[in-house]
PDB file of N, CA and C in Angstrom:
ATOM      1  N   MET A   1       0.892  -1.213  -0.059  1.00  0.00           N
ATOM      2  CA  MET A   1       0.044   0.042   0.033  1.00  0.00           C
ATOM      3  C   MET A   1       0.951   1.173   0.051  1.00  0.00           C
ATOM      4  N   PRO A   2       1.373   1.678  -1.181  1.00  0.00           N
ATOM      5  CA  PRO A   2       2.343   2.869  -1.220  1.00  0.00           C
ATOM      6  C   PRO A   2       1.667   4.131  -0.848  1.00  0.00           C
ATOM      7  N   ALA A   3       0.409   4.169  -1.273  1.00  0.00           N
ATOM      8  CA  ALA A   3      -0.090   5.406  -1.068  1.00  0.00           C
ATOM      9  C   ALA A   3      -0.740   5.649   0.445  1.00  0.00           C
ATOM     10  N   GLN A   4      -0.805   4.588   1.251  1.00  0.00           N
ATOM     11  CA  GLN A   4      -0.936   4.745   2.671  1.00  0.00           C
ATOM     12  C   GLN A   4       0.316   5.064   3.506  1.00  0.00           C
ATOM     13  N   ASP A   5       1.357   4.698   2.814  1.00  0.00           N
ATOM     14  CA  ASP A   5       2.709   4.779   3.554  1.00  0.00           C
ATOM     15  C   ASP A   5       3.123   6.318   3.035  1.00  0.00           C
ATOM     16  N   SER A   6       2.699   6.916   1.910  1.00  0.00           N
ATOM     17  CA  SER A   6       2.991   8.148   1.633  1.00  0.00           C
ATOM     18  C   SER A   6       2.090   9.117   2.488  1.00  0.00           C
ATOM     19  N   ILE A   7       0.885   8.861   2.834  1.00  0.00           N
ATOM     20  CA  ILE A   7       0.169   9.600   3.731  1.00  0.00           C
ATOM     21  C   ILE A   7       0.901   9.710   5.278  1.00  0.00           C
ATOM     22  N   ILE A   8       1.449   8.494   5.530  1.00  0.00           N
ATOM     23  CA  ILE A   8       1.898   8.495   6.892  1.00  0.00           C
ATOM     24  C   ILE A   8       3.268   9.085   7.204  1.00  0.00           C
ATOM     25  N   ILE A   9       4.037   9.141   5.972  1.00  0.00           N
ATOM     26  CA  ILE A   9       5.152   9.892   5.880  1.00  0.00           C
ATOM     27  C   ILE A   9       4.603  11.532   5.978  1.00  0.00           C
ATOM     28  N   LEU A  10       3.806  11.816   5.271  1.00  0.00           N
ATOM     29  CA  LEU A  10       3.379  13.206   4.952  1.00  0.00           C
ATOM     30  C   LEU A  10       3.022  13.621   6.567  1.00  0.00           C
ATOM     31  N   LEU A  11       2.082  13.002   7.171  1.00  0.00           N
ATOM     32  CA  LEU A  11       1.696  13.273   8.625  1.00  0.00           C
ATOM     33  C   LEU A  11       2.853  13.384   9.599  1.00  0.00           C
ATOM     34  N   ARG A  12       3.693  12.417   9.350  1.00  0.00           N
ATOM     35  CA  ARG A  12       4.805  12.472  10.329  1.00  0.00           C
ATOM     36  C   ARG A  12       5.845  13.809  10.069  1.00  0.00           C
ATOM     37  N   MET A  13       5.776  14.152   8.761  1.00  0.00           N
ATOM     38  CA  MET A  13       6.740  15.398   8.559  1.00  0.00           C
ATOM     39  C   MET A  13       5.963  16.706   9.000  1.00  0.00           C
ATOM     40  N   ILE A  14       4.448  16.565   9.002  1.00  0.00           N
ATOM     41  CA  ILE A  14       3.742  17.821   9.595  1.00  0.00           C
ATOM     42  C   ILE A  14       4.063  17.746  11.060  1.00  0.00           C
ATOM     43  N   VAL A  15       3.808  16.656  11.575  1.00  0.00           N
ATOM     44  CA  VAL A  15       4.143  16.633  13.200  1.00  0.00           C
ATOM     45  C   VAL A  15       5.636  17.281  13.538  1.00  0.00           C
ATOM     46  N   LEU A  16       6.484  16.843  12.918  1.00  0.00           N
ATOM     47  CA  LEU A  16       7.940  17.283  13.078  1.00  0.00           C
ATOM     48  C   LEU A  16       7.946  18.770  12.707  1.00  0.00           C
ATOM     49  N   VAL A  17       7.454  19.231  11.687  1.00  0.00           N
ATOM     50  CA  VAL A  17       7.408  20.636  11.611  1.00  0.00           C
ATOM     51  C   VAL A  17       6.814  21.199  12.680  1.00  0.00           C
ATOM     52  N   ALA A  18       5.647  20.942  12.999  1.00  0.00           N
ATOM     53  CA  ALA A  18       4.858  21.644  14.214  1.00  0.00           C
ATOM     54  C   ALA A  18       5.599  21.642  15.476  1.00  0.00           C
ATOM     55  N   GLY A  19       6.501  20.405  15.659  1.00  0.00           N
ATOM     56  CA  GLY A  19       7.124  20.343  16.936  1.00  0.00           C
ATOM     57  C   GLY A  19       8.195  21.377  16.944  1.00  0.00           C
ATOM     58  N   VAL A  20       8.948  21.523  15.929  1.00  0.00           N
ATOM     59  CA  VAL A  20      10.046  22.598  15.589  1.00  0.00           C
ATOM     60  C   VAL A  20       9.474  24.109  15.752  1.00  0.00           C
ATOM     61  N   THR A  21       8.296  24.136  15.225  1.00  0.00           N
ATOM     62  CA  THR A  21       7.821  25.399  15.254  1.00  0.00           C
ATOM     63  C   THR A  21       7.410  25.942  16.787  1.00  0.00           C
ATOM     64  N   LEU A  22       6.850  24.833  17.331  1.00  0.00           N
ATOM     65  CA  LEU A  22       6.488  25.076  18.750  1.00  0.00           C
ATOM     66  C   LEU A  22       7.641  25.422  19.599  1.00  0.00           C
ATOM     67  N   TRP A  23       8.894  24.715  19.379  1.00  0.00           N
ATOM     68  CA  TRP A  23      10.130  25.048  20.048  1.00  0.00           C
ATOM     69  C   TRP A  23      10.647  26.420  19.752  1.00  0.00           C
ATOM     70  N   ALA A  24      10.616  26.712  18.329  1.00  0.00           N
ATOM     71  CA  ALA A  24      10.936  28.130  18.079  1.00  0.00           C
ATOM     72  C   ALA A  24      10.086  29.144  18.822  1.00  0.00           C
ATOM     73  N   ALA A  25       8.829  28.740  18.941  1.00  0.00           N
ATOM     74  CA  ALA A  25       8.107  29.844  19.563  1.00  0.00           C
ATOM     75  C   ALA A  25       8.281  30.215  20.862  1.00  0.00           C
ATOM     76  N   ALA A  26       8.367  28.904  21.617  1.00  0.00           N
ATOM     77  CA  ALA A  26       8.813  28.722  23.009  1.00  0.00           C
ATOM     78  C   ALA A  26      10.256  29.720  23.361  1.00  0.00           C
ATOM     79  N   LEU A  27      11.026  29.708  22.303  1.00  0.00           N
ATOM     80  CA  LEU A  27      12.222  30.413  22.660  1.00  0.00           C
ATOM     81  C   LEU A  27      12.057  31.940  22.153  1.00  0.00           C
ATOM     82  N   THR A  28      11.419  32.262  21.186  1.00  0.00           N
ATOM     83  CA  THR A  28      11.180  33.586  20.899  1.00  0.00           C
ATOM     84  C   THR A  28      10.275  34.438  21.659  1.00  0.00           C
ATOM     85  N   ILE A  29       9.438  33.842  22.637  1.00  0.00           N
ATOM     86  CA  ILE A  29       8.694  34.491  23.363  1.00  0.00           C
ATOM     87  C   ILE A  29       9.605  35.414  24.452  1.00  0.00           C
ATOM     88  N   TRP A  30      10.778  34.938  24.405  1.00  0.00           N
ATOM     89  CA  TRP A  30      11.857  35.792  25.554  1.00  0.00           C
ATOM     90  C   TRP A  30      12.523  36.986  24.887  1.00  0.00           C
ATOM     91  N   LEU A  31      12.248  37.032  23.509  1.00  0.00           N
ATOM     92  CA  LEU A  31      12.837  37.949  22.618  1.00  0.00           C
ATOM     93  C   LEU A  31      11.897  39.215  22.699  1.00  0.00           C
ATOM     94  N   VAL A  32      10.874  39.186  22.959  1.00  0.00           N
ATOM     95  CA  VAL A  32       9.871  40.382  23.048  1.00  0.00           C
ATOM     96  C   VAL A  32      10.362  41.264  24.354  1.00  0.00           C
ATOM     97  N   PRO A  33      10.547  42.425  24.002  1.00  0.00           N
ATOM     98  CA  PRO A  33      10.777  43.284  25.122  1.00  0.00           C
ATOM     99  C   PRO A  33       9.401  43.428  25.963  1.00  0.00           C
ATOM    100  N   THR A  34       9.522  43.429  27.505  1.00  0.00           N
ATOM    101  CA  THR A  34       8.412  43.733  28.090  1.00  0.00           C
ATOM    102  C   THR A  34       8.888  44.742  29.321  1.00  0.00           C
ATOM    103  N   SER A  35       8.119  45.310  29.917  1.00  0.00           N
ATOM    104  CA  SER A  35       8.218  46.217  31.038  1.00  0.00           C
ATOM    105  C   SER A  35       8.920  45.219  32.312  1.00  0.00           C
ATOM    106  N   GLU A  36       9.672  45.691  33.144  1.00  0.00           N
ATOM    107  CA  GLU A  36      10.073  45.095  34.167  1.00  0.00           C
ATOM    108  C   GLU A  36       9.162  45.233  35.381  1.00  0.00           C
ATOM    109  N   GLY A  37       8.230  45.896  35.475  1.00  0.00           N
ATOM    110  CA  GLY A  37       7.277  46.233  36.502  1.00  0.00           C
ATOM    111  C   GLY A  37       6.193  45.226  36.543  1.00  0.00           C
ATOM    112  N   LEU A  38       6.028  44.305  35.615  1.00  0.00           N
ATOM    113  CA  LEU A  38       5.072  43.249  35.699  1.00  0.00           C
ATOM    114  C   LEU A  38       5.345  41.796  36.010  1.00  0.00           C
ATOM    115  N   PRO A  39       5.698  41.607  37.343  1.00  0.00           N
ATOM    116  CA  PRO A  39       6.087  39.990  37.398  1.00  0.00           C
ATOM    117  C   PRO A  39       5.123  38.906  37.168  1.00  0.00           C
ATOM    118  N   ALA A  40       3.888  39.329  37.110  1.00  0.00           N
ATOM    119  CA  ALA A  40       3.005  38.288  36.709  1.00  0.00           C
ATOM    120  C   ALA A  40       2.966  38.020  35.144  1.00  0.00           C
ATOM    121  N   LEU A  41       3.300  38.960  34.421  1.00  0.00           N
ATOM    122  CA  LEU A  41       3.465  38.814  33.122  1.00  0.00           C
ATOM    123  C   LEU A  41       4.709  37.882  32.836  1.00  0.00           C
ATOM    124  N   GLN A  42       5.651  38.077  33.588  1.00  0.00           N
ATOM    125  CA  GLN A  42       6.918  37.136  33.565  1.00  0.00           C
ATOM    126  C   GLN A  42       6.588  35.754  33.705  1.00  0.00           C
ATOM    127  N   LEU A  43       5.534  35.481  34.898  1.00  0.00           N
ATOM    128  CA  LEU A  43       5.009  34.064  35.193  1.00  0.00           C
ATOM    129  C   LEU A  43       4.368  33.554  33.978  1.00  0.00           C
ATOM    130  N   VAL A  44       3.458  34.367  33.369  1.00  0.00           N
ATOM    131  CA  VAL A  44       2.637  34.028  32.181  1.00  0.00           C
ATOM    132  C   VAL A  44       3.538  33.501  31.008  1.00  0.00           C
ATOM    133  N   ARG A  45       4.595  34.298  30.737  1.00  0.00           N
ATOM    134  CA  ARG A  45       5.525  34.039  29.681  1.00  0.00           C
ATOM    135  C   ARG A  45       6.224  32.781  29.982  1.00  0.00           C
ATOM    136  N   LEU A  46       6.736  32.509  31.235  1.00  0.00           N
ATOM    137  CA  LEU A  46       7.226  31.217  31.610  1.00  0.00           C
ATOM    138  C   LEU A  46       6.468  29.916  31.573  1.00  0.00           C
ATOM    139  N   GLY A  47       5.156  30.170  31.769  1.00  0.00           N
ATOM    140  CA  GLY A  47       4.191  29.212  31.839  1.00  0.00           C
ATOM    141  C   GLY A  47       3.805  28.704  30.385  1.00  0.00           C
ATOM    142  N   LEU A  48       3.987  29.872  29.517  1.00  0.00           N
ATOM    143  CA  LEU A  48       3.434  29.588  28.075  1.00  0.00           C
ATOM    144  C   LEU A  48       4.831  29.076  27.398  1.00  0.00           C
ATOM    145  N   SER A  49       5.891  29.362  27.750  1.00  0.00           N
ATOM    146  CA  SER A  49       6.937  28.903  27.119  1.00  0.00           C
ATOM    147  C   SER A  49       7.144  27.538  27.388  1.00  0.00           C
ATOM    148  N   LEU A  50       7.007  27.248  28.652  1.00  0.00           N
ATOM    149  CA  LEU A  50       7.102  25.598  28.979  1.00  0.00           C
ATOM    150  C   LEU A  50       6.059  24.854  28.468  1.00  0.00           C
ATOM    151  N   PHE A  51       4.961  25.466  28.304  1.00  0.00           N
ATOM    152  CA  PHE A  51       3.890  24.444  27.554  1.00  0.00           C
ATOM    153  C   PHE A  51       4.238  24.344  26.081  1.00  0.00           C
ATOM    154  N   LEU A  52       4.667  25.338  25.493  1.00  0.00           N
ATOM    155  CA  LEU A  52       4.967  25.149  24.112  1.00  0.00           C
ATOM    156  C   LEU A  52       6.168  24.198  24.009  1.00  0.00           C
ATOM    157  N   ALA A  53       7.172  24.305  24.810  1.00  0.00           N
ATOM    158  CA  ALA A  53       8.338  23.623  24.712  1.00  0.00           C
ATOM    159  C   ALA A  53       7.993  22.063  24.999  1.00  0.00           C
ATOM    160  N   LEU A  54       7.171  21.798  25.989  1.00  0.00           N
ATOM    161  CA  LEU A  54       6.681  20.411  26.290  1.00  0.00           C
ATOM    162  C   LEU A  54       5.852  19.858  25.095  1.00  0.00           C
ATOM    163  N   THR A  55       5.039  20.725  24.582  1.00  0.00           N
ATOM    164  CA  THR A  55       4.071  20.216  23.234  1.00  0.00           C
ATOM    165  C   THR A  55       5.080  19.974  21.954  1.00  0.00           C
ATOM    166  N   GLY A  56       5.942  20.874  21.841  1.00  0.00           N
ATOM    167  CA  GLY A  56       6.906  20.813  20.760  1.00  0.00           C
ATOM    168  C   GLY A  56       7.793  19.309  21.050  1.00  0.00           C
ATOM    169  N   THR A  57       8.214  19.090  22.254  1.00  0.00           N
ATOM    170  CA  THR A  57       8.874  17.803  22.600  1.00  0.00           C
ATOM    171  C   THR A  57       8.010  16.563  22.240  1.00  0.00           C
ATOM    172  N   ALA A  58       6.770  16.876  22.440  1.00  0.00           N
ATOM    173  CA  ALA A  58       5.830  15.703  22.431  1.00  0.00           C
ATOM    174  C   ALA A  58       5.663  15.555  20.860  1.00  0.00           C
ATOM    175  N   CYS A  59       5.554  16.537  20.115  1.00  0.00           N
ATOM    176  CA  CYS A  59       5.529  16.491  18.769  1.00  0.00           C
ATOM    177  C   CYS A  59       6.854  15.764  18.137  1.00  0.00           C
ATOM    178  N   LEU A  60       7.866  16.125  18.516  1.00  0.00           N
ATOM    179  CA  LEU A  60       9.067  15.530  17.928  1.00  0.00           C
ATOM    180  C   LEU A  60       9.235  14.218  18.429  1.00  0.00           C
ATOM    181  N   LEU A  61       9.052  13.880  19.521  1.00  0.00           N
ATOM    182  CA  LEU A  61       8.932  12.398  19.732  1.00  0.00           C
ATOM    183  C   LEU A  61       8.021  11.644  19.220  1.00  0.00           C
ATOM    184  N   GLY A  62       6.803  11.987  19.041  1.00  0.00           N
ATOM    185  CA  GLY A  62       5.704  11.316  18.394  1.00  0.00           C
ATOM    186  C   GLY A  62       5.970  11.123  16.951  1.00  0.00           C
ATOM    187  N   GLY A  63       6.675  12.147  16.307  1.00  0.00           N
ATOM    188  CA  GLY A  63       6.768  12.082  14.822  1.00  0.00           C
ATOM    189  C   GLY A  63       8.048  11.364  14.492  1.00  0.00           C
ATOM    190  N   ARG A  64       8.582  10.660  15.208  1.00  0.00           N
ATOM    191  CA  ARG A  64       9.717   9.941  15.100  1.00  0.00           C
ATOM    192  C   ARG A  64       9.429   8.806  14.126  1.00  0.00           C
ATOM    193  N   SER A  65      10.308   8.166  13.301  1.00  0.00           N
ATOM    194  CA  SER A  65      10.057   6.894  12.596  1.00  0.00           C
ATOM    195  C   SER A  65      10.158   5.763  13.454  1.00  0.00           C
ATOM    196  N   GLN A  66       9.205   4.915  13.554  1.00  0.00           N
ATOM    197  CA  GLN A  66       9.263   4.013  14.331  1.00  0.00           C
ATOM    198  C   GLN A  66       8.794   2.712  13.457  1.00  0.00           C
ATOM    199  N   PRO A  67       9.729   1.524  13.521  1.00  0.00           N
ATOM    200  CA  PRO A  67       9.358   0.460  12.618  1.00  0.00           C
ATOM    201  C   PRO A  67       8.221  -0.340  13.258  1.00  0.00           C
ATOM    202  N   GLN A  68       7.418  -0.762  12.239  1.00  0.00           N
ATOM    203  CA  GLN A  68       6.218  -1.414  12.843  1.00  0.00           C
ATOM    204  C   GLN A  68       6.255  -2.847  12.698  1.00  0.00           C
ATOM    205  N   GLN A  69       6.483  -3.404  13.923  1.00  0.00           N
ATOM    206  CA  GLN A  69       6.604  -4.832  14.113  1.00  0.00           C
ATOM    207  C   GLN A  69       5.554  -5.328  14.894  1.00  0.00           C
ATOM    208  N   GLY A  70       5.157  -6.610  14.432  1.00  0.00           N
ATOM    209  CA  GLY A  70       4.036  -7.372  15.092  1.00  0.00           C
ATOM    210  C   GLY A  70       4.670  -8.218  16.227  1.00  0.00           C
ATOM    211  N   PRO A  71       3.804  -8.945  16.930  1.00  0.00           N
ATOM    212  CA  PRO A  71       4.430  -9.919  17.889  1.00  0.00           C
ATOM    213  C   PRO A  71       5.403 -11.024  17.313  1.00  0.00           C
ATOM    214  N   GLN A  72       6.491 -11.270  17.857  1.00  0.00           N
ATOM    215  CA  GLN A  72       7.481 -12.343  17.168  1.00  0.00           C
ATOM    216  C   GLN A  72       6.915 -13.668  17.737  1.00  0.00           C
ATOM    217  N   PRO A  73       6.976 -14.517  16.906  1.00  0.00           N
ATOM    218  CA  PRO A  73       6.280 -15.941  17.260  1.00  0.00           C
ATOM    219  C   PRO A  73       7.591 -16.710  18.010  1.00  0.00           C
ATOM    220  N   ARG A  74       7.250 -17.425  19.060  1.00  0.00           N
ATOM    221  CA  ARG A  74       8.211 -18.265  19.687  1.00  0.00           C
ATOM    222  C   ARG A  74       8.645 -19.303  18.948  1.00  0.00           C
ATOM    223  N   PRO A  75       9.862 -19.543  18.857  1.00  0.00           N
ATOM    224  CA  PRO A  75      10.468 -21.040  18.166  1.00  0.00           C
ATOM    225  C   PRO A  75       9.696 -22.216  18.912  1.00  0.00           C
ATOM    226  N   LEU A  76       9.447 -23.045  17.936  1.00  0.00           N
ATOM    227  CA  LEU A  76       9.003 -24.471  18.525  1.00  0.00           C
ATOM    228  C   LEU A  76      10.354 -25.207  19.135  1.00  0.00           C
ATOM    229  N   ARG A  77      10.091 -26.047  20.095  1.00  0.00           N
ATOM    230  CA  ARG A  77      11.041 -26.741  20.676  1.00  0.00           C
ATOM    231  C   ARG A  77      11.064 -28.235  19.890  1.00  0.00           C
ATOM    232  N   GLU A  78      12.109 -28.605  19.456  1.00  0.00           N
ATOM    233  CA  GLU A  78      11.995 -29.932  18.934  1.00  0.00           C
ATOM    234  C   GLU A  78      12.505 -31.204  19.774  1.00  0.00           C
TER     235      GLU A  78
END
């Protein structure tokens, strides 16, 4: 089923690109200048960046190529 394999590869590529994008967003949140007088805003930025980083990591780990193997039969004793 080559069509089904190409769809799986396409979906994995989309998930990997989403993971990299989420990681980039988590890092670039800290590049936006903010006023130092709002500590609650710093906490929100920290929480959002952690959420984006964890979600990006989940996408990167979930999009890895994993071989599909079924259960291995046990050898018969003779």
